Amino acid sequence: MVNPDQIKPDMEVVGNDGEFVGIVDGIENGIELRLKSGTGDGMRHFLPLATVEFVDQRVHLNRTSIRAMVEWR
């Protein structure tokens, strides 16, 4: 499992297909995401930390971007 301290606000989150999922707003009971300005439904979205495969300059998920968006809370 990834250390949550590696995940910082404003990091881009991508699926294992390389496609954009969101931007990290914070870490609280999972990853809190926002969408790029001017897009999306205006709601906050959350993904469990268990969905993170690895972190470098971006947060990489262990699922596709579409699957992540279907599963977010």
PDB file of N, CA and C in Angstrom:
ATOM      1  N   MET A   1       0.844  -1.184   0.000  1.00  0.00           N
ATOM      2  CA  MET A   1       0.000   0.000   0.000  1.00  0.00           C
ATOM      3  C   MET A   1       0.888   1.246   0.000  1.00  0.00           C
ATOM      4  N   VAL A   2       0.407   2.283  -0.616  1.00  0.00           N
ATOM      5  CA  VAL A   2       1.113   3.555  -0.733  1.00  0.00           C
ATOM      6  C   VAL A   2       1.027   4.311   0.590  1.00  0.00           C
ATOM      7  N   ASN A   3       2.092   5.013   0.932  1.00  0.00           N
ATOM      8  CA  ASN A   3       2.104   5.880   2.100  1.00  0.00           C
ATOM      9  C   ASN A   3       1.295   7.136   1.760  1.00  0.00           C
ATOM     10  N   PRO A   4       0.240   7.441   2.528  1.00  0.00           N
ATOM     11  CA  PRO A   4      -0.584   8.621   2.221  1.00  0.00           C
ATOM     12  C   PRO A   4       0.194   9.932   2.237  1.00  0.00           C
ATOM     13  N   ASP A   5       1.332   9.970   2.950  1.00  0.00           N
ATOM     14  CA  ASP A   5       2.135  11.194   2.990  1.00  0.00           C
ATOM     15  C   ASP A   5       2.762  11.526   1.637  1.00  0.00           C
ATOM     16  N   GLN A   6       2.801  10.564   0.720  1.00  0.00           N
ATOM     17  CA  GLN A   6       3.329  10.797  -0.622  1.00  0.00           C
ATOM     18  C   GLN A   6       2.352  11.593  -1.483  1.00  0.00           C
ATOM     19  N   ILE A   7       1.091  11.576  -1.101  1.00  0.00           N
ATOM     20  CA  ILE A   7       0.037  12.215  -1.903  1.00  0.00           C
ATOM     21  C   ILE A   7      -0.197  13.623  -1.379  1.00  0.00           C
ATOM     22  N   LYS A   8      -0.028  14.596  -2.244  1.00  0.00           N
ATOM     23  CA  LYS A   8      -0.121  16.011  -1.871  1.00  0.00           C
ATOM     24  C   LYS A   8      -1.251  16.701  -2.641  1.00  0.00           C
ATOM     25  N   PRO A   9      -1.831  17.749  -2.044  1.00  0.00           N
ATOM     26  CA  PRO A   9      -2.843  18.525  -2.759  1.00  0.00           C
ATOM     27  C   PRO A   9      -2.306  19.033  -4.101  1.00  0.00           C
ATOM     28  N   ASP A  10      -3.182  19.104  -5.058  1.00  0.00           N
ATOM     29  CA  ASP A  10      -2.919  19.598  -6.417  1.00  0.00           C
ATOM     30  C   ASP A  10      -2.181  18.607  -7.310  1.00  0.00           C
ATOM     31  N   MET A  11      -1.922  17.382  -6.821  1.00  0.00           N
ATOM     32  CA  MET A  11      -1.341  16.355  -7.692  1.00  0.00           C
ATOM     33  C   MET A  11      -2.425  15.836  -8.629  1.00  0.00           C
ATOM     34  N   GLU A  12      -2.041  15.538  -9.846  1.00  0.00           N
ATOM     35  CA  GLU A  12      -2.959  14.957 -10.822  1.00  0.00           C
ATOM     36  C   GLU A  12      -3.119  13.464 -10.534  1.00  0.00           C
ATOM     37  N   VAL A  13      -4.339  12.984 -10.676  1.00  0.00           N
ATOM     38  CA  VAL A  13      -4.648  11.560 -10.498  1.00  0.00           C
ATOM     39  C   VAL A  13      -5.006  10.988 -11.863  1.00  0.00           C
ATOM     40  N   VAL A  14      -4.364   9.863 -12.216  1.00  0.00           N
ATOM     41  CA  VAL A  14      -4.621   9.227 -13.508  1.00  0.00           C
ATOM     42  C   VAL A  14      -4.916   7.743 -13.304  1.00  0.00           C
ATOM     43  N   GLY A  15      -5.699   7.200 -14.215  1.00  0.00           N
ATOM     44  CA  GLY A  15      -5.973   5.773 -14.210  1.00  0.00           C
ATOM     45  C   GLY A  15      -4.796   5.005 -14.782  1.00  0.00           C
ATOM     46  N   ASN A  16      -4.865   3.660 -14.699  1.00  0.00           N
ATOM     47  CA  ASN A  16      -3.768   2.861 -15.259  1.00  0.00           C
ATOM     48  C   ASN A  16      -3.777   2.876 -16.782  1.00  0.00           C
ATOM     49  N   ASP A  17      -4.757   3.560 -17.362  1.00  0.00           N
ATOM     50  CA  ASP A  17      -4.789   3.794 -18.802  1.00  0.00           C
ATOM     51  C   ASP A  17      -4.134   5.130 -19.170  1.00  0.00           C
ATOM     52  N   GLY A  18      -3.625   5.849 -18.132  1.00  0.00           N
ATOM     53  CA  GLY A  18      -2.964   7.132 -18.353  1.00  0.00           C
ATOM     54  C   GLY A  18      -3.902   8.312 -18.478  1.00  0.00           C
ATOM     55  N   GLU A  19      -5.191   8.078 -18.376  1.00  0.00           N
ATOM     56  CA  GLU A  19      -6.179   9.145 -18.558  1.00  0.00           C
ATOM     57  C   GLU A  19      -6.468   9.872 -17.246  1.00  0.00           C
ATOM     58  N   PHE A  20      -6.744  11.161 -17.354  1.00  0.00           N
ATOM     59  CA  PHE A  20      -7.028  12.036 -16.222  1.00  0.00           C
ATOM     60  C   PHE A  20      -8.280  11.593 -15.462  1.00  0.00           C
ATOM     61  N   VAL A  21      -8.171  11.586 -14.120  1.00  0.00           N
ATOM     62  CA  VAL A  21      -9.319  11.295 -13.259  1.00  0.00           C
ATOM     63  C   VAL A  21      -9.703  12.531 -12.453  1.00  0.00           C
ATOM     64  N   GLY A  22      -8.714  13.220 -11.889  1.00  0.00           N
ATOM     65  CA  GLY A  22      -9.003  14.400 -11.079  1.00  0.00           C
ATOM     66  C   GLY A  22      -7.732  14.985 -10.502  1.00  0.00           C
ATOM     67  N   ILE A  23      -7.919  15.967  -9.627  1.00  0.00           N
ATOM     68  CA  ILE A  23      -6.831  16.642  -8.932  1.00  0.00           C
ATOM     69  C   ILE A  23      -7.050  16.416  -7.436  1.00  0.00           C
ATOM     70  N   VAL A  24      -5.982  16.089  -6.728  1.00  0.00           N
ATOM     71  CA  VAL A  24      -6.093  15.852  -5.286  1.00  0.00           C
ATOM     72  C   VAL A  24      -6.418  17.162  -4.575  1.00  0.00           C
ATOM     73  N   ASP A  25      -7.487  17.129  -3.778  1.00  0.00           N
ATOM     74  CA  ASP A  25      -7.821  18.256  -2.903  1.00  0.00           C
ATOM     75  C   ASP A  25      -7.307  17.988  -1.500  1.00  0.00           C
ATOM     76  N   GLY A  26      -7.297  16.720  -1.102  1.00  0.00           N
ATOM     77  CA  GLY A  26      -6.825  16.368   0.230  1.00  0.00           C
ATOM     78  C   GLY A  26      -6.909  14.873   0.448  1.00  0.00           C
ATOM     79  N   ILE A  27      -6.410  14.453   1.612  1.00  0.00           N
ATOM     80  CA  ILE A  27      -6.453  13.048   1.995  1.00  0.00           C
ATOM     81  C   ILE A  27      -7.194  12.981   3.327  1.00  0.00           C
ATOM     82  N   GLU A  28      -8.369  12.420   3.302  1.00  0.00           N
ATOM     83  CA  GLU A  28      -9.152  12.240   4.520  1.00  0.00           C
ATOM     84  C   GLU A  28     -10.080  11.063   4.275  1.00  0.00           C
ATOM     85  N   ASN A  29      -9.791   9.945   4.901  1.00  0.00           N
ATOM     86  CA  ASN A  29     -10.562   8.719   4.656  1.00  0.00           C
ATOM     87  C   ASN A  29     -10.524   8.340   3.183  1.00  0.00           C
ATOM     88  N   GLY A  30      -9.426   8.601   2.524  1.00  0.00           N
ATOM     89  CA  GLY A  30      -9.256   8.343   1.096  1.00  0.00           C
ATOM     90  C   GLY A  30      -8.776   9.604   0.403  1.00  0.00           C
ATOM     91  N   ILE A  31      -8.783   9.563  -0.899  1.00  0.00           N
ATOM     92  CA  ILE A  31      -8.337  10.718  -1.689  1.00  0.00           C
ATOM     93  C   ILE A  31      -9.552  11.547  -2.054  1.00  0.00           C
ATOM     94  N   GLU A  32      -9.537  12.809  -1.681  1.00  0.00           N
ATOM     95  CA  GLU A  32     -10.599  13.724  -2.073  1.00  0.00           C
ATOM     96  C   GLU A  32     -10.166  14.382  -3.368  1.00  0.00           C
ATOM     97  N   LEU A  33     -11.036  14.325  -4.373  1.00  0.00           N
ATOM     98  CA  LEU A  33     -10.700  14.827  -5.707  1.00  0.00           C
ATOM     99  C   LEU A  33     -11.600  15.977  -6.113  1.00  0.00           C
ATOM    100  N   ARG A  34     -11.036  16.829  -6.938  1.00  0.00           N
ATOM    101  CA  ARG A  34     -11.846  17.817  -7.666  1.00  0.00           C
ATOM    102  C   ARG A  34     -11.529  17.624  -9.140  1.00  0.00           C
ATOM    103  N   LEU A  35     -12.436  18.063  -9.952  1.00  0.00           N
ATOM    104  CA  LEU A  35     -12.200  18.008 -11.388  1.00  0.00           C
ATOM    105  C   LEU A  35     -11.574  19.314 -11.826  1.00  0.00           C
ATOM    106  N   LYS A  36     -11.033  19.354 -13.015  1.00  0.00           N
ATOM    107  CA  LYS A  36     -10.455  20.598 -13.535  1.00  0.00           C
ATOM    108  C   LYS A  36     -11.518  21.684 -13.534  1.00  0.00           C
ATOM    109  N   SER A  37     -11.087  22.912 -13.356  1.00  0.00           N
ATOM    110  CA  SER A  37     -12.005  24.050 -13.314  1.00  0.00           C
ATOM    111  C   SER A  37     -12.913  24.066 -14.535  1.00  0.00           C
ATOM    112  N   GLY A  38     -14.177  24.341 -14.276  1.00  0.00           N
ATOM    113  CA  GLY A  38     -15.131  24.478 -15.364  1.00  0.00           C
ATOM    114  C   GLY A  38     -15.637  23.172 -15.941  1.00  0.00           C
ATOM    115  N   THR A  39     -15.270  22.037 -15.322  1.00  0.00           N
ATOM    116  CA  THR A  39     -15.758  20.758 -15.818  1.00  0.00           C
ATOM    117  C   THR A  39     -16.418  19.993 -14.690  1.00  0.00           C
ATOM    118  N   GLY A  40     -17.150  18.983 -15.028  1.00  0.00           N
ATOM    119  CA  GLY A  40     -17.711  18.090 -14.026  1.00  0.00           C
ATOM    120  C   GLY A  40     -19.005  18.588 -13.443  1.00  0.00           C
ATOM    121  N   ASP A  41     -19.393  17.943 -12.347  1.00  0.00           N
ATOM    122  CA  ASP A  41     -20.700  18.186 -11.757  1.00  0.00           C
ATOM    123  C   ASP A  41     -20.638  19.086 -10.530  1.00  0.00           C
ATOM    124  N   GLY A  42     -19.474  19.605 -10.188  1.00  0.00           N
ATOM    125  CA  GLY A  42     -19.346  20.496  -9.049  1.00  0.00           C
ATOM    126  C   GLY A  42     -19.316  19.791  -7.707  1.00  0.00           C
ATOM    127  N   MET A  43     -19.368  18.478  -7.694  1.00  0.00           N
ATOM    128  CA  MET A  43     -19.350  17.717  -6.457  1.00  0.00           C
ATOM    129  C   MET A  43     -17.937  17.252  -6.141  1.00  0.00           C
ATOM    130  N   ARG A  44     -17.689  16.977  -4.856  1.00  0.00           N
ATOM    131  CA  ARG A  44     -16.435  16.368  -4.433  1.00  0.00           C
ATOM    132  C   ARG A  44     -16.551  14.866  -4.650  1.00  0.00           C
ATOM    133  N   HIS A  45     -15.429  14.260  -4.983  1.00  0.00           N
ATOM    134  CA  HIS A  45     -15.403  12.814  -5.207  1.00  0.00           C
ATOM    135  C   HIS A  45     -14.289  12.219  -4.358  1.00  0.00           C
ATOM    136  N   PHE A  46     -14.487  10.970  -3.932  1.00  0.00           N
ATOM    137  CA  PHE A  46     -13.531  10.299  -3.069  1.00  0.00           C
ATOM    138  C   PHE A  46     -13.192   8.928  -3.626  1.00  0.00           C
ATOM    139  N   LEU A  47     -11.910   8.569  -3.511  1.00  0.00           N
ATOM    140  CA  LEU A  47     -11.447   7.226  -3.862  1.00  0.00           C
ATOM    141  C   LEU A  47     -10.670   6.673  -2.675  1.00  0.00           C
ATOM    142  N   PRO A  48     -10.826   5.380  -2.373  1.00  0.00           N
ATOM    143  CA  PRO A  48     -10.051   4.779  -1.285  1.00  0.00           C
ATOM    144  C   PRO A  48      -8.562   4.742  -1.625  1.00  0.00           C
ATOM    145  N   LEU A  49      -7.730   4.815  -0.594  1.00  0.00           N
ATOM    146  CA  LEU A  49      -6.282   4.734  -0.809  1.00  0.00           C
ATOM    147  C   LEU A  49      -5.889   3.410  -1.452  1.00  0.00           C
ATOM    148  N   ALA A  50      -6.690   2.378  -1.251  1.00  0.00           N
ATOM    149  CA  ALA A  50      -6.395   1.063  -1.836  1.00  0.00           C
ATOM    150  C   ALA A  50      -6.419   1.092  -3.368  1.00  0.00           C
ATOM    151  N   THR A  51      -6.974   2.136  -3.960  1.00  0.00           N
ATOM    152  CA  THR A  51      -7.012   2.231  -5.424  1.00  0.00           C
ATOM    153  C   THR A  51      -5.713   2.790  -6.003  1.00  0.00           C
ATOM    154  N   VAL A  52      -4.783   3.234  -5.143  1.00  0.00           N
ATOM    155  CA  VAL A  52      -3.527   3.832  -5.606  1.00  0.00           C
ATOM    156  C   VAL A  52      -2.491   2.741  -5.837  1.00  0.00           C
ATOM    157  N   GLU A  53      -1.939   2.708  -7.040  1.00  0.00           N
ATOM    158  CA  GLU A  53      -0.897   1.748  -7.388  1.00  0.00           C
ATOM    159  C   GLU A  53       0.480   2.284  -6.985  1.00  0.00           C
ATOM    160  N   PHE A  54       0.774   3.536  -7.403  1.00  0.00           N
ATOM    161  CA  PHE A  54       2.034   4.163  -7.025  1.00  0.00           C
ATOM    162  C   PHE A  54       1.919   5.670  -7.211  1.00  0.00           C
ATOM    163  N   VAL A  55       2.884   6.371  -6.634  1.00  0.00           N
ATOM    164  CA  VAL A  55       2.910   7.833  -6.699  1.00  0.00           C
ATOM    165  C   VAL A  55       4.286   8.266  -7.194  1.00  0.00           C
ATOM    166  N   ASP A  56       4.304   9.128  -8.205  1.00  0.00           N
ATOM    167  CA  ASP A  56       5.529   9.809  -8.610  1.00  0.00           C
ATOM    168  C   ASP A  56       5.155  11.289  -8.673  1.00  0.00           C
ATOM    169  N   GLN A  57       5.236  11.922  -9.809  1.00  0.00           N
ATOM    170  CA  GLN A  57       4.748  13.307  -9.915  1.00  0.00           C
ATOM    171  C   GLN A  57       3.225  13.338  -9.962  1.00  0.00           C
ATOM    172  N   ARG A  58       2.627  12.185 -10.246  1.00  0.00           N
ATOM    173  CA  ARG A  58       1.178  12.035 -10.286  1.00  0.00           C
ATOM    174  C   ARG A  58       0.787  10.839  -9.420  1.00  0.00           C
ATOM    175  N   VAL A  59      -0.492  10.751  -9.109  1.00  0.00           N
ATOM    176  CA  VAL A  59      -1.038   9.603  -8.385  1.00  0.00           C
ATOM    177  C   VAL A  59      -1.589   8.647  -9.434  1.00  0.00           C
ATOM    178  N   HIS A  60      -1.053   7.446  -9.480  1.00  0.00           N
ATOM    179  CA  HIS A  60      -1.446   6.443 -10.471  1.00  0.00           C
ATOM    180  C   HIS A  60      -2.351   5.407  -9.806  1.00  0.00           C
ATOM    181  N   LEU A  61      -3.505   5.194 -10.400  1.00  0.00           N
ATOM    182  CA  LEU A  61      -4.463   4.245  -9.849  1.00  0.00           C
ATOM    183  C   LEU A  61      -4.249   2.848 -10.409  1.00  0.00           C
ATOM    184  N   ASN A  62      -4.803   1.867  -9.724  1.00  0.00           N
ATOM    185  CA  ASN A  62      -4.705   0.475 -10.171  1.00  0.00           C
ATOM    186  C   ASN A  62      -5.943   0.059 -10.959  1.00  0.00           C
ATOM    187  N   ARG A  63      -6.602   1.009 -11.531  1.00  0.00           N
ATOM    188  CA  ARG A  63      -7.794   0.783 -12.360  1.00  0.00           C
ATOM    189  C   ARG A  63      -7.869   1.855 -13.434  1.00  0.00           C
ATOM    190  N   THR A  64      -8.684   1.615 -14.429  1.00  0.00           N
ATOM    191  CA  THR A  64      -8.819   2.593 -15.511  1.00  0.00           C
ATOM    192  C   THR A  64      -9.511   3.855 -14.998  1.00  0.00           C
ATOM    193  N   SER A  65      -9.355   4.918 -15.728  1.00  0.00           N
ATOM    194  CA  SER A  65     -10.002   6.178 -15.354  1.00  0.00           C
ATOM    195  C   SER A  65     -11.521   6.028 -15.339  1.00  0.00           C
ATOM    196  N   ILE A  66     -12.061   5.318 -16.293  1.00  0.00           N
ATOM    197  CA  ILE A  66     -13.522   5.134 -16.349  1.00  0.00           C
ATOM    198  C   ILE A  66     -14.011   4.339 -15.151  1.00  0.00           C
ATOM    199  N   ARG A  67     -13.304   3.261 -14.819  1.00  0.00           N
ATOM    200  CA  ARG A  67     -13.707   2.458 -13.654  1.00  0.00           C
ATOM    201  C   ARG A  67     -13.617   3.294 -12.375  1.00  0.00           C
ATOM    202  N   ALA A  68     -12.561   4.082 -12.228  1.00  0.00           N
ATOM    203  CA  ALA A  68     -12.413   4.941 -11.042  1.00  0.00           C
ATOM    204  C   ALA A  68     -13.581   5.902 -10.928  1.00  0.00           C
ATOM    205  N   MET A  69     -13.977   6.522 -12.032  1.00  0.00           N
ATOM    206  CA  MET A  69     -15.079   7.483 -12.000  1.00  0.00           C
ATOM    207  C   MET A  69     -16.413   6.823 -11.700  1.00  0.00           C
ATOM    208  N   VAL A  70     -16.578   5.581 -12.118  1.00  0.00           N
ATOM    209  CA  VAL A  70     -17.810   4.844 -11.815  1.00  0.00           C
ATOM    210  C   VAL A  70     -17.853   4.489 -10.323  1.00  0.00           C
ATOM    211  N   GLU A  71     -16.685   4.217  -9.744  1.00  0.00           N
ATOM    212  CA  GLU A  71     -16.611   3.753  -8.366  1.00  0.00           C
ATOM    213  C   GLU A  71     -16.509   4.854  -7.320  1.00  0.00           C
ATOM    214  N   TRP A  72     -16.165   6.105  -7.734  1.00  0.00           N
ATOM    215  CA  TRP A  72     -15.958   7.096  -6.698  1.00  0.00           C
ATOM    216  C   TRP A  72     -17.233   7.379  -5.945  1.00  0.00           C
ATOM    217  N   ARG A  73     -17.022   7.841  -4.690  1.00  0.00           N
ATOM    218  CA  ARG A  73     -18.154   8.110  -3.789  1.00  0.00           C
ATOM    219  C   ARG A  73     -18.445   9.594  -3.786  1.00  0.00           C
TER     220      ARG A  73
END
